[in-house]
Amino acid sequence: LVLVLMVGAVAVGRGALAGLAPAPARAAATSSAGGRSVVVAPGDTLWSIARRLQPTGDVRPLVDRLVAAHGSAAIEPGDRIALPN
């Protein structure tokens, strides 16, 4: 019994059951009268948002524009970031 519990604990610790968990929410781009924006979801970073907006190439300039639009590099779930043109 102890061996079974130890093997189970190791499997869970290594993420063996991670496929059963729901996928994390992703930032959703929205449009409004003020322009397009992104609402930050749990687990998002400015880098991950930039990569979704620009799937290829160097995203550093886009990250810089997102920081400027948000006013800070620190983001939290629920923050709304205006998308640069």
C-alpha atoms as a PDB file:
ATOM      1  CA  LEU A   1       0.000   0.000   0.000  1.00  0.00           C
ATOM      2  CA  VAL A   2       2.819   2.404   0.857  1.00  0.00           C
ATOM      3  CA  LEU A   3       4.537   1.632  -2.451  1.00  0.00           C
ATOM      4  CA  VAL A   4       1.327   2.348  -4.378  1.00  0.00           C
ATOM      5  CA  LEU A   5       0.922   5.694  -2.598  1.00  0.00           C
ATOM      6  CA  MET A   6       4.548   6.625  -3.286  1.00  0.00           C
ATOM      7  CA  VAL A   7       4.246   5.775  -6.982  1.00  0.00           C
ATOM      8  CA  GLY A   8       1.002   7.787  -7.185  1.00  0.00           C
ATOM      9  CA  ALA A   9       2.605  10.770  -5.484  1.00  0.00           C
ATOM     10  CA  VAL A  10       5.556  10.694  -7.891  1.00  0.00           C
ATOM     11  CA  ALA A  11       3.223  10.422 -10.895  1.00  0.00           C
ATOM     12  CA  VAL A  12       1.155  13.399  -9.757  1.00  0.00           C
ATOM     13  CA  GLY A  13       4.301  15.386  -8.935  1.00  0.00           C
ATOM     14  CA  ARG A  14       5.601  14.812 -12.457  1.00  0.00           C
ATOM     15  CA  GLY A  15       2.364  15.971 -14.052  1.00  0.00           C
ATOM     16  CA  ALA A  16       1.052  12.573 -15.123  1.00  0.00           C
ATOM     17  CA  LEU A  17      -2.507  13.772 -14.559  1.00  0.00           C
ATOM     18  CA  ALA A  18      -2.004  17.217 -16.089  1.00  0.00           C
ATOM     19  CA  GLY A  19      -3.916  16.203 -19.210  1.00  0.00           C
ATOM     20  CA  LEU A  20      -7.070  15.856 -17.120  1.00  0.00           C
ATOM     21  CA  ALA A  21      -7.011  19.507 -16.017  1.00  0.00           C
ATOM     22  CA  PRO A  22      -8.826  22.110 -18.114  1.00  0.00           C
ATOM     23  CA  ALA A  23      -6.660  24.300 -20.314  1.00  0.00           C
ATOM     24  CA  PRO A  24      -5.881  27.721 -18.821  1.00  0.00           C
ATOM     25  CA  ALA A  25      -7.922  30.631 -20.081  1.00  0.00           C
ATOM     26  CA  ARG A  26      -6.314  32.826 -22.713  1.00  0.00           C
ATOM     27  CA  ALA A  27      -6.477  36.556 -23.157  1.00  0.00           C
ATOM     28  CA  ALA A  28      -9.352  37.523 -25.368  1.00  0.00           C
ATOM     29  CA  ALA A  29      -9.056  40.354 -27.863  1.00  0.00           C
ATOM     30  CA  THR A  30     -12.073  42.620 -27.831  1.00  0.00           C
ATOM     31  CA  SER A  31     -13.138  45.629 -29.853  1.00  0.00           C
ATOM     32  CA  SER A  32     -14.858  48.723 -28.567  1.00  0.00           C
ATOM     33  CA  ALA A  33     -15.428  52.307 -29.637  1.00  0.00           C
ATOM     34  CA  GLY A  34     -11.988  53.105 -28.204  1.00  0.00           C
ATOM     35  CA  GLY A  35     -10.250  50.451 -30.329  1.00  0.00           C
ATOM     36  CA  ARG A  36      -9.093  46.873 -29.858  1.00  0.00           C
ATOM     37  CA  SER A  37      -7.871  45.607 -26.507  1.00  0.00           C
ATOM     38  CA  VAL A  38      -6.853  42.400 -24.734  1.00  0.00           C
ATOM     39  CA  VAL A  39      -8.136  41.260 -21.356  1.00  0.00           C
ATOM     40  CA  VAL A  40      -5.363  39.510 -19.429  1.00  0.00           C
ATOM     41  CA  ALA A  41      -6.182  35.934 -18.371  1.00  0.00           C
ATOM     42  CA  PRO A  42      -4.493  33.944 -15.572  1.00  0.00           C
ATOM     43  CA  GLY A  43      -1.063  32.783 -16.701  1.00  0.00           C
ATOM     44  CA  ASP A  44      -0.709  35.411 -19.417  1.00  0.00           C
ATOM     45  CA  THR A  45       2.436  37.461 -19.819  1.00  0.00           C
ATOM     46  CA  LEU A  46       3.052  40.361 -22.150  1.00  0.00           C
ATOM     47  CA  TRP A  47       5.338  38.025 -24.094  1.00  0.00           C
ATOM     48  CA  SER A  48       2.657  35.334 -24.496  1.00  0.00           C
ATOM     49  CA  ILE A  49       0.072  37.938 -25.530  1.00  0.00           C
ATOM     50  CA  ALA A  50       2.506  39.430 -28.048  1.00  0.00           C
ATOM     51  CA  ARG A  51       3.258  35.983 -29.477  1.00  0.00           C
ATOM     52  CA  ARG A  52      -0.449  35.257 -29.960  1.00  0.00           C
ATOM     53  CA  LEU A  53      -0.896  38.609 -31.697  1.00  0.00           C
ATOM     54  CA  GLN A  54       2.214  38.070 -33.825  1.00  0.00           C
ATOM     55  CA  PRO A  55       2.821  34.321 -34.287  1.00  0.00           C
ATOM     56  CA  THR A  56       6.119  34.739 -36.167  1.00  0.00           C
ATOM     57  CA  GLY A  57       9.110  37.024 -36.006  1.00  0.00           C
ATOM     58  CA  ASP A  58      10.651  39.130 -33.265  1.00  0.00           C
ATOM     59  CA  VAL A  59       7.983  40.173 -30.731  1.00  0.00           C
ATOM     60  CA  ARG A  60      10.242  42.485 -28.698  1.00  0.00           C
ATOM     61  CA  PRO A  61       9.003  45.669 -30.413  1.00  0.00           C
ATOM     62  CA  LEU A  62       5.390  44.567 -29.862  1.00  0.00           C
ATOM     63  CA  VAL A  63       6.083  43.820 -26.182  1.00  0.00           C
ATOM     64  CA  ASP A  64       7.547  47.325 -25.844  1.00  0.00           C
ATOM     65  CA  ARG A  65       4.395  48.820 -27.429  1.00  0.00           C
ATOM     66  CA  LEU A  66       2.156  46.745 -25.111  1.00  0.00           C
ATOM     67  CA  VAL A  67       4.106  47.989 -22.068  1.00  0.00           C
ATOM     68  CA  ALA A  68       3.755  51.577 -23.283  1.00  0.00           C
ATOM     69  CA  ALA A  69       0.015  51.110 -23.918  1.00  0.00           C
ATOM     70  CA  HIS A  70      -0.522  49.551 -20.485  1.00  0.00           C
ATOM     71  CA  GLY A  71       1.790  51.953 -18.654  1.00  0.00           C
ATOM     72  CA  SER A  72       3.650  49.138 -16.898  1.00  0.00           C
ATOM     73  CA  ALA A  73       5.246  45.763 -17.546  1.00  0.00           C
ATOM     74  CA  ALA A  74       3.337  44.312 -14.579  1.00  0.00           C
ATOM     75  CA  ILE A  75      -0.013  42.781 -15.557  1.00  0.00           C
ATOM     76  CA  GLU A  76      -2.707  40.962 -13.605  1.00  0.00           C
ATOM     77  CA  PRO A  77      -5.658  38.847 -14.707  1.00  0.00           C
ATOM     78  CA  GLY A  78      -8.526  41.127 -15.655  1.00  0.00           C
ATOM     79  CA  ASP A  79      -6.291  43.999 -16.817  1.00  0.00           C
ATOM     80  CA  ARG A  80      -7.348  45.449 -20.162  1.00  0.00           C
ATOM     81  CA  ILE A  81      -4.479  46.382 -22.474  1.00  0.00           C
ATOM     82  CA  ALA A  82      -5.143  48.585 -25.492  1.00  0.00           C
ATOM     83  CA  LEU A  83      -3.625  47.059 -28.613  1.00  0.00           C
ATOM     84  CA  PRO A  84      -1.262  49.335 -30.498  1.00  0.00           C
ATOM     85  CA  ASN A  85      -2.092  50.090 -34.125  1.00  0.00           C
END
